[in-house]
């Protein structure tokens, strides 16, 4: 399994956390299975090596050397194949884990850049809104000053005007 083709859904604040958590959980389970298999192979190898030692002791005690030699050769061949297979599988798992880690780092960096862009865009929009609001407030203040000046003139005009005498 490689990280190519893995696409996480993006959410408002980056990648879908639940989807990423499930993916990492699945990788962890697969790693644990491979590790358990490696442990099993190592155990089999240890058993085979013990059997080789036992057979060598039997040979030393005078058992048929040809049978013992063939058995030892077979056991050593099987043990070496098991060791080689385990090393190959471990190397493949290590490479795959490194590729997954590299992919996760790249995706994390992309998510970080995407989130930073969203934050920067939000800051720009907020600054524009603040500028427009301040400009509108200034326009309203000037309009109110003009209106108040007109009110003052109207009041001054109406208070200086003589009222006609009312006949009784």
Protein backbone atom coordinates (compact mmCIF):
# COMPACT_ATOMS: atom_id res chain seq x y z
CA UNK A 1 0.00 0.00 0.00
CA UNK A 2 1.36 3.41 -0.86
CA UNK A 3 0.13 6.90 -0.14
CA UNK A 4 -0.49 7.67 -3.81
CA UNK A 5 -4.16 7.95 -4.57
CA UNK A 6 -5.10 8.79 -0.97
CA UNK A 7 -7.19 11.94 -1.02
CA UNK A 8 -8.63 13.39 2.15
CA UNK A 9 -11.72 15.56 2.09
CA UNK A 10 -10.99 19.13 3.10
CA UNK A 11 -13.09 20.82 5.71
CA UNK A 12 -13.28 24.45 6.85
CA UNK A 13 -10.15 24.12 9.03
CA UNK A 14 -8.12 21.65 6.90
CA UNK A 15 -8.47 17.91 6.26
CA UNK A 16 -11.32 15.80 7.60
CA UNK A 17 -9.90 14.70 10.99
CA UNK A 18 -12.06 11.59 11.23
CA UNK A 19 -10.99 10.40 7.78
CA UNK A 20 -7.29 10.99 8.56
CA UNK A 21 -7.65 9.23 11.94
CA UNK A 22 -9.27 6.19 10.27
CA UNK A 23 -6.48 6.05 7.69
CA UNK A 24 -3.76 6.21 10.33
CA UNK A 25 -5.59 3.58 12.41
CA UNK A 26 -5.74 1.25 9.41
CA UNK A 27 -2.00 1.76 8.77
CA UNK A 28 -1.27 1.00 12.40
CA UNK A 29 -3.28 -2.24 12.22
CA UNK A 30 -1.47 -3.31 9.04
CA UNK A 31 1.90 -2.54 10.61
CA UNK A 32 0.95 -4.59 13.70
CA UNK A 33 -0.05 -7.56 11.50
CA UNK A 34 3.25 -7.41 9.62
CA UNK A 35 5.18 -7.10 12.88
CA UNK A 36 3.34 -10.11 14.34
CA UNK A 37 4.14 -12.11 11.20
CA UNK A 38 7.79 -11.11 11.50
CA UNK A 39 7.80 -12.26 15.14
CA UNK A 40 6.25 -15.57 14.09
CA UNK A 41 8.90 -16.07 11.40
CA UNK A 42 11.62 -15.20 13.91
CA UNK A 43 10.20 -17.79 16.31
CA UNK A 44 10.17 -20.44 13.56
CA UNK A 45 13.75 -19.53 12.68
CA UNK A 46 14.80 -19.88 16.31
CA UNK A 47 13.13 -23.30 16.47
CA UNK A 48 14.93 -24.39 13.31
CA UNK A 49 18.26 -23.20 14.66
CA UNK A 50 17.62 -25.13 17.88
CA UNK A 51 16.82 -28.22 15.80
CA UNK A 52 20.12 -27.77 13.91
CA UNK A 53 22.01 -27.61 17.18
CA UNK A 54 20.23 -30.72 18.44
CA UNK A 55 21.11 -32.57 15.27
CA UNK A 56 24.76 -31.53 15.55
CA UNK A 57 24.83 -32.95 19.07
CA UNK A 58 23.30 -36.19 17.81
CA UNK A 59 25.98 -36.40 15.14
CA UNK A 60 28.62 -35.95 17.79
CA UNK A 61 27.08 -38.90 19.66
CA UNK A 62 27.62 -41.19 16.65
CA UNK A 63 24.40 -41.09 14.63
CA UNK A 64 24.42 -41.69 10.84
CA UNK A 65 26.48 -38.76 9.48
CA UNK A 66 24.83 -38.76 6.01
CA UNK A 67 21.29 -38.50 7.40
CA UNK A 68 22.34 -35.91 9.92
CA UNK A 69 24.25 -33.92 7.27
CA UNK A 70 21.25 -33.90 4.94
CA UNK A 71 18.91 -32.92 7.76
CA UNK A 72 21.25 -30.17 8.93
CA UNK A 73 21.68 -28.85 5.40
CA UNK A 74 17.92 -28.85 4.89
CA UNK A 75 17.35 -27.11 8.24
CA UNK A 76 20.07 -24.54 7.57
CA UNK A 77 18.69 -23.87 4.08
CA UNK A 78 15.18 -23.46 5.46
CA UNK A 79 16.44 -21.23 8.27
CA UNK A 80 18.42 -19.06 5.85
CA UNK A 81 15.43 -18.75 3.52
CA UNK A 82 13.25 -17.75 6.48
CA UNK A 83 15.82 -15.16 7.55
CA UNK A 84 16.15 -13.82 4.00
CA UNK A 85 12.36 -13.63 3.61
CA UNK A 86 12.04 -11.83 6.94
CA UNK A 87 14.78 -9.32 6.01
CA UNK A 88 13.19 -8.71 2.61
CA UNK A 89 9.74 -8.21 4.13
CA UNK A 90 11.15 -5.95 6.86
CA UNK A 91 12.92 -3.83 4.23
CA UNK A 92 9.73 -3.61 2.16
CA UNK A 93 7.71 -2.62 5.23
CA UNK A 94 10.29 -0.03 6.20
CA UNK A 95 10.25 1.45 2.69
CA UNK A 96 6.45 1.51 2.63
CA UNK A 97 6.32 3.09 6.09
CA UNK A 98 8.80 5.75 4.98
CA UNK A 99 6.75 6.46 1.86
CA UNK A 100 3.60 6.73 3.95
CA UNK A 101 5.35 9.02 6.39
CA UNK A 102 6.68 11.19 3.57
CA UNK A 103 3.21 11.34 2.03
CA UNK A 104 1.63 12.22 5.36
CA UNK A 105 4.22 14.97 5.91
CA UNK A 106 3.55 16.39 2.46
CA UNK A 107 -0.22 16.28 3.02
CA UNK A 108 0.23 17.87 6.43
CA UNK A 109 2.31 20.67 4.87
CA UNK A 110 -0.35 21.20 2.20
CA UNK A 111 -3.04 21.35 4.88
CA UNK A 112 -0.97 23.85 6.86
CA UNK A 113 -0.46 26.04 3.78
CA UNK A 114 -4.15 25.78 2.91
CA UNK A 115 -5.14 26.74 6.46
CA UNK A 116 -2.70 29.66 6.44
CA UNK A 117 -4.17 30.89 3.16
CA UNK A 118 -7.67 30.75 4.66
CA UNK A 119 -6.48 32.73 7.70
CA UNK A 120 -4.72 35.31 5.51
CA UNK A 121 -7.79 35.68 3.29
CA UNK A 122 -9.97 36.14 6.38
CA UNK A 123 -7.60 38.82 7.72
CA UNK A 124 -7.72 40.66 4.38
CA UNK A 125 -11.52 40.50 4.31
CA UNK A 126 -11.70 41.73 7.92
CA UNK A 127 -9.36 44.63 7.14
CA UNK A 128 -11.49 45.60 4.13
CA UNK A 129 -14.65 45.46 6.23
CA UNK A 130 -13.07 47.60 8.95
CA UNK A 131 -11.91 50.15 6.35
CA UNK A 132 -15.38 50.34 4.77
CA UNK A 133 -17.04 50.61 8.18
CA UNK A 134 -14.73 53.43 9.25
CA UNK A 135 -15.34 55.23 5.95
CA UNK A 136 -19.11 54.87 6.41
CA UNK A 137 -18.91 56.11 9.99
CA UNK A 138 -16.94 59.15 8.82
CA UNK A 139 -19.52 59.86 6.10
CA UNK A 140 -22.36 59.58 8.63
CA UNK A 141 -20.48 61.88 11.05
CA UNK A 142 -20.02 64.52 8.32
CA UNK A 143 -23.67 64.23 7.29
CA UNK A 144 -24.73 64.66 10.91
CA UNK A 145 -22.48 67.71 11.30
CA UNK A 146 -24.07 69.24 8.20
CA UNK A 147 -27.53 68.42 9.46
CA UNK A 148 -26.76 69.86 12.90
CA UNK A 149 -25.36 73.03 11.32
CA UNK A 150 -28.56 73.38 9.30
CA UNK A 151 -30.63 72.83 12.44
CA UNK A 152 -28.68 75.52 14.25
CA UNK A 153 -29.34 77.99 11.42
CA UNK A 154 -33.03 77.06 11.35
CA UNK A 155 -33.30 77.54 15.12
CA UNK A 156 -31.47 80.85 14.95
CA UNK A 157 -33.75 81.99 12.15
CA UNK A 158 -36.95 81.03 13.91
CA UNK A 159 -35.99 82.62 17.23
CA UNK A 160 -35.03 85.98 15.69
CA UNK A 161 -38.12 86.27 13.58
CA UNK A 162 -40.76 88.56 15.11
CA UNK A 163 -44.08 87.06 15.64
CA UNK A 164 -47.05 89.13 14.49
CA UNK A 165 -49.14 90.68 17.19
CA UNK A 166 -52.28 88.81 17.96
CA UNK A 167 -55.35 91.00 18.31
CA UNK A 168 -57.49 90.32 21.21
